[in-house]
Amino acid sequence: MTDQRAAETPTDPTARPDELRARTASAFAGIRADLEALVRIPSVSNAAFDQAHVRASADAVADLLRGAGLDEVDVLTVTTADGRTGAPAVVARRPAPAGAPTVLLYAHHDVQPPGDAAAWHTEPFEPTERDGRLFGRGAADDKAGVVAHVGALRVLGDELGVGVTVFVEGEEEIGSPTFADFLHAHRDRLAADVIVVADSSNWSVGVPGLTTSLRGLVDCTVEVEVLTHAVHSGMFGGPVLDAVTLLARLVATLHDDAGDVAVAGLVHAPDPAVELDEEQLRADAGVLGGVRLAGTGPITARMWTRPAISVIGVDAPAVATASNTITPRAAAKLSMRIAPGQDPVAAMAALRAHLEEHAPFGARVTVTDGEKGRPFLAPADSPGMRAARRAFAESWGTEPVDIGIGGSIPFIADLLEVYPDAQILVTGVEDPDSRAHGANESVHLGELEKVVLAEALLLDHLSRDAS
């Protein structure tokens, strides 16, 4: 066939990175301004917050995509069989030229609640630059991903040689409850050969990362009961232990003395090829001096390819209002990250069995299932991955590191179920100091510019590789 795309772009491929780098630099002030405008919209998808802001955010994203040259732009919702209506998502398309692949670019425009305002150094929804970083809720997770897509499309302009569908979700931060329904409702419209999920992290500032593995997620609530009602702690204390103490004893059985998870039946994936310096981890996580790290083996294995269990909530009497009684019941919410290769149903069964078998002093233990999300392991040498490695190396000037992420993106399993032949690339807009979900979230502006360039190069390579 006659390749019109090649005729519209320079024939010397070695000049292309420099050309796109110059275009990205020229466009970046506008890209940054768009990010700041999105951060100012408090699009918290948690139901306790005003959902009109989520709709406003979707509309703003739709306008950006229209301005980036995509004509088919819609704000869509889906209603599930049980009557739930999902948050507004944006879908924008440009069909592929003959013989070219279609690339789906994913991000999400909803954000986490700001949390404790006193913990922020600046207003969470007023973007503020400090030391080369832009601070604000969603500045990194994941409105930076949104503008990375928009920016790459602007940089390529009419030279975009692949089909593109942009899918910007509005409920990722509440677990994507209608994601699978949305995929099935718009299956043909979202179909793609390559899927780029811009919602991960890079290795460090100055060193890009390609996320090749993600842990899955299982969570549950475990309740311990010892009495039918509260009783006087002086009259009955001694032979009767309170539920909070017994809950603590039960939770303590989840780890051995070294801090490794002690639940039988859980999978360990192979150790990663890279290691993280302990001092760097301590600095990134804010570990207090004198606190020893838990577990054995490589730090990256403990973070990416082995299970981890955390207590993320406790129901027990508050200190300020406590009375001198023996607490009859207490509960904890447990979050368990599971390794690539682990089935979430089997992991939940193993956790439940452990909790029930270790009921302290015969206390009544009730386990209530919560979310389940499957892990992800990417092929390391697909054509899309090779194109991404080349694009990242050209943008940063250094080879990308294959990294795992200890967190979970459960909807990737939904994408693979609906589009089993698609190549999925998980790319990073964050770095270890981005503090996504926490106070003082930020994106490194220099790194964001490299992300925009890398995505433009990736789309360009996918086009040329198909010609």
Protein backbone atom coordinates (compact mmCIF):
# COMPACT_ATOMS: atom_id res chain seq x y z
CA MET A 1 0.00 0.00 0.00
CA THR A 2 1.05 3.64 -0.34
CA ASP A 3 2.10 4.93 3.07
CA GLN A 4 0.78 8.47 3.27
CA ARG A 5 1.81 8.65 6.92
CA ALA A 6 5.48 8.23 6.06
CA ALA A 7 5.20 10.98 3.43
CA GLU A 8 3.90 13.41 5.99
CA THR A 9 6.80 12.93 8.42
CA PRO A 10 10.59 13.18 8.17
CA THR A 11 12.28 10.20 6.48
CA ASP A 12 15.26 10.27 8.84
CA PRO A 13 14.09 8.43 11.98
CA THR A 14 17.11 9.60 13.95
CA ALA A 15 15.90 13.20 13.68
CA ARG A 16 12.43 12.38 14.96
CA PRO A 17 13.17 12.38 18.73
CA ASP A 18 14.79 15.81 18.56
CA GLU A 19 11.92 17.18 16.49
CA LEU A 20 9.28 15.89 18.90
CA ARG A 21 11.37 17.03 21.87
CA ALA A 22 11.32 20.59 20.54
CA ARG A 23 7.58 20.42 19.93
CA THR A 24 6.98 19.09 23.45
CA ALA A 25 9.04 21.89 25.01
CA SER A 26 7.08 24.46 23.01
CA ALA A 27 3.72 22.97 24.03
CA PHE A 28 4.53 22.28 27.67
CA ALA A 29 3.46 25.64 29.14
CA GLY A 30 -0.04 25.00 27.81
CA ILE A 31 0.01 21.39 29.02
CA ARG A 32 0.95 22.56 32.50
CA ALA A 33 -1.82 25.19 32.47
CA ASP A 34 -4.33 22.50 31.55
CA LEU A 35 -3.13 20.34 34.44
CA GLU A 36 -3.51 23.24 36.85
CA ALA A 37 -7.06 23.86 35.63
CA LEU A 38 -7.97 20.21 36.17
CA VAL A 39 -6.45 20.16 39.68
CA ARG A 40 -8.68 23.10 40.63
CA ILE A 41 -11.74 20.89 40.07
CA PRO A 42 -12.28 18.85 43.28
CA SER A 43 -13.40 15.70 41.44
CA VAL A 44 -13.54 13.36 44.44
CA SER A 45 -15.57 10.29 43.40
CA ASN A 46 -16.27 9.23 46.99
CA ALA A 47 -20.06 9.44 47.45
CA ALA A 48 -19.68 11.68 50.51
CA PHE A 49 -18.48 14.50 48.22
CA ASP A 50 -20.35 16.63 45.71
CA GLN A 51 -20.49 14.60 42.50
CA ALA A 52 -21.23 17.69 40.41
CA HIS A 53 -17.48 18.30 40.49
CA VAL A 54 -16.84 14.88 38.94
CA ARG A 55 -19.15 15.80 36.07
CA ALA A 56 -17.42 19.18 35.70
CA SER A 57 -14.08 17.39 35.54
CA ALA A 58 -15.33 15.03 32.84
CA ASP A 59 -16.60 17.97 30.80
CA ALA A 60 -13.23 19.73 31.15
CA VAL A 61 -11.38 16.62 29.98
CA ALA A 62 -13.75 16.30 27.01
CA ASP A 63 -12.97 19.90 26.00
CA LEU A 64 -9.23 19.21 26.19
CA LEU A 65 -9.57 16.17 23.93
CA ARG A 66 -11.61 18.10 21.39
CA GLY A 67 -8.88 20.73 21.41
CA ALA A 68 -6.28 18.00 20.82
CA GLY A 69 -7.87 17.10 17.51
CA LEU A 70 -10.24 14.26 18.42
CA ASP A 71 -13.67 14.79 16.86
CA GLU A 72 -15.62 11.88 18.39
CA VAL A 73 -15.77 12.95 22.05
CA ASP A 74 -18.49 11.90 24.48
CA VAL A 75 -19.10 11.92 28.22
CA LEU A 76 -20.71 8.57 29.02
CA THR A 77 -22.10 6.64 31.96
CA VAL A 78 -23.33 3.09 32.29
CA THR A 79 -26.12 1.65 34.44
CA THR A 80 -25.56 -1.83 35.83
CA ALA A 81 -28.09 -4.66 36.07
CA ASP A 82 -28.70 -3.84 39.74
CA GLY A 83 -29.49 -0.20 38.94
CA ARG A 84 -26.19 1.50 39.82
CA THR A 85 -25.16 4.36 37.55
CA GLY A 86 -21.44 4.85 37.17
CA ALA A 87 -19.49 8.08 37.28
CA PRO A 88 -19.03 10.01 34.03
CA ALA A 89 -16.22 8.79 31.79
CA VAL A 90 -14.85 10.45 28.68
CA VAL A 91 -14.35 8.49 25.47
CA ALA A 92 -12.71 10.18 22.48
CA ARG A 93 -11.68 8.56 19.20
CA ARG A 94 -9.83 9.08 15.96
CA PRO A 95 -10.08 6.05 13.64
CA ALA A 96 -6.90 4.35 12.44
CA PRO A 97 -5.54 4.90 8.95
CA ALA A 98 -5.61 1.81 6.76
CA GLY A 99 -3.15 -0.78 8.04
CA ALA A 100 -2.32 1.10 11.25
CA PRO A 101 -2.98 -0.18 14.78
CA THR A 102 -5.41 1.38 17.24
CA VAL A 103 -4.09 2.47 20.63
CA LEU A 104 -6.30 2.93 23.69
CA LEU A 105 -4.96 5.59 26.08
CA TYR A 106 -6.34 5.20 29.62
CA ALA A 107 -6.28 7.59 32.58
CA HIS A 108 -8.75 8.64 35.27
CA HIS A 109 -9.97 12.11 36.19
CA ASP A 110 -11.39 11.36 39.64
CA VAL A 111 -9.24 11.87 42.74
CA GLN A 112 -8.93 10.81 46.35
CA PRO A 113 -10.40 12.96 49.16
CA PRO A 114 -7.91 15.59 50.34
CA GLY A 115 -7.76 14.19 53.88
CA ASP A 116 -6.52 16.29 56.78
CA ALA A 117 -6.21 19.87 55.55
CA ALA A 118 -3.68 20.62 58.30
CA ALA A 119 -1.27 18.07 56.80
CA TRP A 120 -1.06 19.98 53.52
CA HIS A 121 1.52 22.73 53.07
CA THR A 122 -0.67 24.31 50.37
CA GLU A 123 -4.36 24.21 49.51
CA PRO A 124 -5.08 20.76 48.04
CA PHE A 125 -7.12 22.08 45.11
CA GLU A 126 -4.98 25.12 44.36
CA PRO A 127 -1.99 23.96 42.26
CA THR A 128 1.24 25.37 43.62
CA GLU A 129 4.77 25.01 42.28
CA ARG A 130 7.65 24.47 44.68
CA ASP A 131 11.15 23.20 43.84
CA GLY A 132 10.16 22.08 40.36
CA ARG A 133 7.12 20.13 41.54
CA LEU A 134 3.44 20.98 41.13
CA PHE A 135 1.47 20.24 44.31
CA GLY A 136 -2.24 19.52 44.51
CA ARG A 137 -4.69 16.66 44.83
CA GLY A 138 -4.68 14.78 41.54
CA ALA A 139 -1.61 16.61 40.22
CA ALA A 140 0.05 13.21 39.90
CA ASP A 141 -2.74 10.65 40.33
CA ASP A 142 -4.01 10.81 37.70
CA LYS A 143 -4.66 14.16 36.11
CA ALA A 144 -1.02 14.13 35.04
CA GLY A 145 -1.92 10.99 33.09
CA VAL A 146 -4.81 12.82 31.44
CA VAL A 147 -2.64 15.72 30.26
CA ALA A 148 0.12 13.31 29.19
CA HIS A 149 -2.32 11.85 26.68
CA VAL A 150 -3.59 15.27 25.63
CA GLY A 151 -0.05 16.59 25.33
CA ALA A 152 1.18 13.68 23.20
CA LEU A 153 -1.74 14.15 20.80
CA ARG A 154 -1.00 17.86 20.52
CA VAL A 155 2.69 17.23 19.87
CA LEU A 156 1.92 14.82 17.02
CA GLY A 157 -1.00 16.82 15.61
CA ASP A 158 -1.91 15.82 12.06
CA GLU A 159 1.08 13.45 11.97
CA LEU A 160 -0.64 11.00 14.32
CA GLY A 161 -0.29 7.79 12.34
CA VAL A 162 -2.27 5.38 14.51
CA GLY A 163 -5.86 5.16 15.53
CA VAL A 164 -6.41 6.51 19.02
CA THR A 165 -9.16 6.02 21.57
CA VAL A 166 -8.81 7.95 24.82
CA PHE A 167 -10.72 6.53 27.79
CA VAL A 168 -10.68 8.70 30.91
CA GLU A 169 -12.52 6.99 33.77
CA GLY A 170 -14.32 8.80 36.59
CA GLU A 171 -14.44 6.23 39.40
CA GLU A 172 -11.02 4.58 39.65
CA GLU A 173 -10.44 5.91 43.16
CA ILE A 174 -13.51 4.07 44.45
CA GLY A 175 -12.53 0.75 42.89
CA SER A 176 -14.00 1.13 39.37
CA PRO A 177 -17.30 -0.51 40.39
CA THR A 178 -18.91 -0.22 36.93
CA PHE A 179 -15.74 -0.63 34.86
CA ALA A 180 -16.50 -4.12 33.56
CA ASP A 181 -20.05 -3.11 32.66
CA PHE A 182 -18.68 -0.06 30.82
CA LEU A 183 -16.26 -2.22 28.83
CA HIS A 184 -19.00 -4.59 27.78
CA ALA A 185 -21.40 -1.75 26.92
CA HIS A 186 -18.79 -0.05 24.71
CA ARG A 187 -16.77 -3.09 23.69
CA ASP A 188 -16.39 -2.21 20.01
CA ARG A 189 -15.76 1.46 20.64
CA LEU A 190 -12.89 0.76 23.09
CA ALA A 191 -11.29 -2.12 21.16
CA ALA A 192 -7.56 -1.63 20.56
CA ASP A 193 -4.37 -3.43 19.60
CA VAL A 194 -2.29 -1.68 22.27
CA ILE A 195 -3.55 -0.29 25.59
CA VAL A 196 -1.50 2.33 27.47
CA VAL A 197 -2.46 2.72 31.14
CA ALA A 198 -0.88 5.97 32.38
CA ASP A 199 -1.42 5.44 36.11
CA SER A 200 1.83 4.08 37.51
CA SER A 201 5.24 5.33 38.62
CA ASN A 202 8.77 5.67 37.33
CA TRP A 203 11.84 4.25 39.03
CA SER A 204 13.08 7.66 40.17
CA VAL A 205 13.38 11.23 38.98
CA GLY A 206 15.59 10.91 35.91
CA VAL A 207 15.11 7.16 35.42
CA PRO A 208 11.93 5.93 33.68
CA GLY A 209 10.15 2.74 34.56
CA LEU A 210 7.91 0.32 32.72
CA THR A 211 5.57 -1.49 35.07
CA THR A 212 5.67 -5.19 34.25
CA SER A 213 3.93 -6.54 37.36
CA LEU A 214 1.22 -5.44 39.76
CA ARG A 215 0.08 -7.14 42.93
CA GLY A 216 -3.57 -8.03 43.27
CA LEU A 217 -5.84 -7.11 46.16
CA VAL A 218 -8.00 -8.95 48.67
CA ASP A 219 -9.57 -7.20 51.63
CA CYS A 220 -11.94 -8.22 54.39
CA THR A 221 -13.31 -7.24 57.77
CA VAL A 222 -12.64 -9.54 60.72
CA GLU A 223 -14.74 -9.18 63.88
CA VAL A 224 -13.89 -10.73 67.25
CA GLU A 225 -16.68 -11.22 69.85
CA VAL A 226 -16.24 -12.39 73.45
CA LEU A 227 -19.30 -11.14 75.34
CA THR A 228 -22.97 -10.50 74.71
CA HIS A 229 -22.57 -7.05 76.28
CA ALA A 230 -19.93 -4.86 77.93
CA VAL A 231 -19.13 -5.62 81.59
CA HIS A 232 -17.24 -3.84 84.38
CA SER A 233 -13.47 -4.18 83.84
CA GLY A 234 -12.81 -4.35 87.60
CA MET A 235 -15.48 -6.92 88.40
CA PHE A 236 -14.69 -9.29 85.51
CA GLY A 237 -11.23 -8.33 84.33
CA GLY A 238 -8.71 -11.18 84.61
CA PRO A 239 -10.58 -14.29 83.54
CA VAL A 240 -12.24 -12.42 80.65
CA LEU A 241 -10.05 -10.75 78.04
CA ASP A 242 -11.52 -7.87 76.07
CA ALA A 243 -12.19 -8.12 72.34
CA VAL A 244 -9.59 -5.49 71.44
CA THR A 245 -6.82 -7.53 73.10
CA LEU A 246 -8.00 -10.69 71.38
CA LEU A 247 -8.26 -8.91 68.05
CA ALA A 248 -4.67 -7.72 68.50
CA ARG A 249 -3.54 -11.27 69.26
CA LEU A 250 -5.33 -12.54 66.15
CA VAL A 251 -3.85 -9.87 63.88
CA ALA A 252 -0.39 -10.62 65.28
CA THR A 253 -0.60 -14.17 63.91
CA LEU A 254 -0.66 -12.84 60.33
CA HIS A 255 3.12 -12.25 60.40
CA ASP A 256 6.02 -14.25 61.79
CA ASP A 257 8.69 -12.78 64.04
CA ALA A 258 10.67 -11.49 61.03
CA GLY A 259 7.61 -9.71 59.65
CA ASP A 260 6.95 -12.09 56.74
CA VAL A 261 3.32 -12.98 56.03
CA ALA A 262 2.49 -16.22 57.86
CA VAL A 263 -0.72 -17.20 56.05
CA ALA A 264 -0.40 -20.63 54.44
CA GLY A 265 -1.31 -21.12 50.80
CA LEU A 266 -0.20 -17.78 49.36
CA VAL A 267 1.92 -17.47 46.20
CA HIS A 268 5.36 -15.83 45.91
CA ALA A 269 6.41 -14.67 42.43
CA PRO A 270 10.10 -14.68 41.40
CA ASP A 271 12.28 -11.96 42.90
CA PRO A 272 12.73 -8.85 40.71
CA ALA A 273 15.99 -8.25 38.86
CA VAL A 274 16.49 -4.83 40.48
CA GLU A 275 16.89 -3.85 44.12
CA LEU A 276 16.05 -0.71 46.02
CA ASP A 277 18.45 0.88 48.48
CA GLU A 278 17.12 0.64 52.05
CA GLU A 279 17.95 4.24 52.85
CA GLN A 280 16.11 5.38 49.74
CA LEU A 281 13.04 3.38 50.76
CA ARG A 282 13.16 4.86 54.25
CA ALA A 283 13.33 8.36 52.80
CA ASP A 284 10.57 7.75 50.26
CA ALA A 285 8.21 6.18 52.81
CA GLY A 286 9.09 8.46 55.74
CA VAL A 287 10.09 5.56 58.02
CA LEU A 288 10.99 6.83 61.48
CA GLY A 289 14.52 6.35 62.77
CA GLY A 290 14.93 3.15 64.76
CA VAL A 291 12.00 1.38 63.07
CA ARG A 292 13.24 -1.86 61.48
CA LEU A 293 11.89 -2.93 58.09
CA ALA A 294 9.70 -6.02 58.12
CA GLY A 295 10.27 -9.24 56.23
CA THR A 296 13.22 -10.99 54.64
CA GLY A 297 14.69 -11.07 51.16
CA PRO A 298 15.08 -8.27 48.61
CA ILE A 299 13.15 -5.10 49.37
CA THR A 300 11.70 -5.05 45.86
CA ALA A 301 10.43 -8.62 46.33
CA ARG A 302 8.77 -7.66 49.59
CA MET A 303 7.12 -4.71 47.82
CA TRP A 304 6.23 -6.24 44.43
CA THR A 305 6.22 -10.03 44.23
CA ARG A 306 5.28 -11.30 47.68
CA PRO A 307 2.08 -10.94 49.69
CA ALA A 308 1.63 -8.15 52.23
CA ILE A 309 -1.06 -7.63 54.85
CA SER A 310 -1.95 -4.33 56.52
CA VAL A 311 -4.57 -3.31 59.06
CA ILE A 312 -6.19 -0.26 57.45
CA GLY A 313 -9.01 0.35 59.94
CA VAL A 314 -10.15 -0.62 63.43
CA ASP A 315 -13.55 -0.42 65.13
CA ALA A 316 -12.98 -0.15 68.87
CA PRO A 317 -13.90 2.31 71.63
CA ALA A 318 -12.28 5.69 71.13
CA VAL A 319 -9.74 6.75 73.77
CA ALA A 320 -11.51 10.04 74.45
CA THR A 321 -14.84 8.38 75.27
CA ALA A 322 -13.68 5.04 76.72
CA SER A 323 -15.29 3.72 79.89
CA ASN A 324 -14.03 1.16 82.41
CA THR A 325 -15.67 -1.77 80.69
CA ILE A 326 -14.49 -4.89 78.92
CA THR A 327 -15.19 -4.38 75.22
CA PRO A 328 -17.45 -7.18 73.93
CA ARG A 329 -16.52 -6.92 70.24
CA ALA A 330 -13.94 -5.27 68.00
CA ALA A 331 -13.25 -5.36 64.28
CA ALA A 332 -10.41 -4.63 61.87
CA LYS A 333 -10.31 -4.12 58.12
CA LEU A 334 -7.45 -6.03 56.53
CA SER A 335 -5.91 -5.23 53.15
CA MET A 336 -3.87 -8.04 51.59
CA ARG A 337 -1.79 -7.50 48.45
CA ILE A 338 -1.22 -10.71 46.55
CA ALA A 339 1.64 -11.66 44.25
CA PRO A 340 1.44 -12.07 40.47
CA GLY A 341 0.20 -15.59 39.78
CA GLN A 342 -2.10 -15.68 42.82
CA ASP A 343 -5.82 -16.32 42.38
CA PRO A 344 -7.75 -13.79 44.52
CA VAL A 345 -10.47 -16.29 45.45
CA ALA A 346 -7.88 -18.78 46.70
CA ALA A 347 -6.06 -15.98 48.55
CA MET A 348 -9.27 -14.93 50.31
CA ALA A 349 -9.99 -18.53 51.27
CA ALA A 350 -6.48 -18.87 52.72
CA LEU A 351 -6.82 -15.66 54.73
CA ARG A 352 -10.25 -16.65 56.03
CA ALA A 353 -9.02 -20.10 57.06
CA HIS A 354 -6.05 -18.59 58.90
CA LEU A 355 -8.21 -16.12 60.83
CA GLU A 356 -10.77 -18.75 61.82
CA GLU A 357 -8.13 -21.31 62.81
CA HIS A 358 -6.27 -18.81 65.00
CA ALA A 359 -9.26 -17.56 66.97
CA PRO A 360 -7.67 -16.63 70.34
CA PHE A 361 -9.13 -18.17 73.51
CA GLY A 362 -12.05 -19.56 71.51
CA ALA A 363 -13.39 -16.09 70.66
CA ARG A 364 -16.05 -15.90 67.96
CA VAL A 365 -14.39 -14.76 64.72
CA THR A 366 -16.47 -13.55 61.79
CA VAL A 367 -14.84 -12.74 58.45
CA THR A 368 -16.69 -10.63 55.86
CA ASP A 369 -15.28 -10.52 52.34
CA GLY A 370 -14.51 -7.21 50.66
CA GLU A 371 -12.89 -6.33 47.34
CA LYS A 372 -10.94 -8.75 45.17
CA GLY A 373 -8.60 -7.68 42.38
CA ARG A 374 -6.41 -9.84 40.19
CA PRO A 375 -2.65 -9.26 39.84
CA PHE A 376 -0.95 -8.52 36.51
CA LEU A 377 2.22 -9.78 34.86
CA ALA A 378 3.14 -8.32 31.47
CA PRO A 379 5.06 -10.09 28.71
CA ALA A 380 8.51 -8.50 28.78
CA ASP A 381 9.18 -8.61 25.03
CA SER A 382 6.02 -7.81 23.08
CA PRO A 383 6.23 -5.46 20.07
CA GLY A 384 4.46 -2.78 22.09
CA MET A 385 6.89 -3.21 24.97
CA ARG A 386 9.86 -2.92 22.62
CA ALA A 387 8.43 0.29 21.16
CA ALA A 388 7.87 1.65 24.65
CA ARG A 389 11.43 0.85 25.77
CA ARG A 390 12.81 2.68 22.75
CA ALA A 391 10.53 5.69 23.31
CA PHE A 392 11.39 5.95 26.99
CA ALA A 393 15.13 5.67 26.34
CA GLU A 394 14.91 8.43 23.72
CA SER A 395 12.92 10.71 26.02
CA TRP A 396 14.97 10.30 29.20
CA GLY A 397 18.33 9.52 27.64
CA THR A 398 18.61 6.37 29.76
CA GLU A 399 17.14 2.90 29.48
CA PRO A 400 13.91 2.27 31.41
CA VAL A 401 13.86 -0.08 34.39
CA ASP A 402 11.36 -2.94 34.53
CA ILE A 403 9.56 -2.36 37.80
CA GLY A 404 6.77 -3.89 39.79
CA ILE A 405 4.19 -1.96 41.75
CA GLY A 406 3.04 -3.12 45.14
CA GLY A 407 -0.32 -1.50 44.63
CA SER A 408 -3.09 -2.87 42.46
CA ILE A 409 -4.90 -1.84 39.28
CA PRO A 410 -7.59 -4.53 39.26
CA PHE A 411 -9.33 -3.25 36.12
CA ILE A 412 -6.35 -4.38 33.99
CA ALA A 413 -7.65 -7.92 34.45
CA ASP A 414 -11.03 -6.72 33.11
CA LEU A 415 -9.28 -5.24 30.06
CA LEU A 416 -7.49 -8.53 29.39
CA GLU A 417 -10.72 -10.48 29.76
CA VAL A 418 -12.54 -8.35 27.18
CA TYR A 419 -9.51 -7.79 24.91
CA PRO A 420 -7.33 -10.89 25.37
CA ASP A 421 -5.17 -10.13 22.33
CA ALA A 422 -4.35 -6.55 23.28
CA GLN A 423 -0.85 -5.59 24.42
CA ILE A 424 -1.07 -3.69 27.71
CA LEU A 425 1.61 -1.16 28.67
CA VAL A 426 1.54 0.36 32.16
CA THR A 427 3.44 3.64 32.17
CA GLY A 428 4.39 6.11 34.87
CA VAL A 429 3.56 9.74 35.55
CA GLU A 430 4.57 9.59 39.20
CA ASP A 431 7.89 9.16 41.01
CA PRO A 432 8.66 7.88 44.53
CA ASP A 433 8.08 11.33 46.06
CA SER A 434 4.70 11.98 44.41
CA ARG A 435 2.77 10.90 47.55
CA ALA A 436 -0.33 9.86 45.65
CA HIS A 437 -3.38 9.54 47.94
CA GLY A 438 -1.53 11.40 50.71
CA ALA A 439 -1.10 15.00 51.76
CA ASN A 440 1.17 17.14 49.58
CA GLU A 441 0.69 15.07 46.46
CA SER A 442 2.80 16.38 43.60
CA VAL A 443 4.17 15.73 40.13
CA HIS A 444 7.70 16.58 39.03
CA LEU A 445 7.21 18.98 36.12
CA GLY A 446 10.44 18.02 34.36
CA GLU A 447 9.45 14.36 34.50
CA LEU A 448 5.94 15.15 33.23
CA GLU A 449 7.45 16.80 30.16
CA LYS A 450 9.48 13.63 29.53
CA VAL A 451 6.33 11.52 29.92
CA VAL A 452 4.54 13.59 27.26
CA LEU A 453 7.50 13.23 24.89
CA ALA A 454 7.81 9.49 25.58
CA GLU A 455 4.15 8.90 24.75
CA ALA A 456 4.39 10.94 21.55
CA LEU A 457 7.44 8.87 20.54
CA LEU A 458 5.66 5.64 21.44
CA LEU A 459 2.68 6.47 19.21
CA ASP A 460 5.06 7.49 16.46
CA HIS A 461 7.03 4.23 16.74
CA LEU A 462 3.86 2.13 16.70
CA SER A 463 2.83 3.90 13.50
CA ARG A 464 6.18 3.43 11.78
CA ASP A 465 6.56 -0.18 12.94
CA ALA A 466 3.23 -0.99 11.29
CA SER A 467 4.11 0.64 7.96
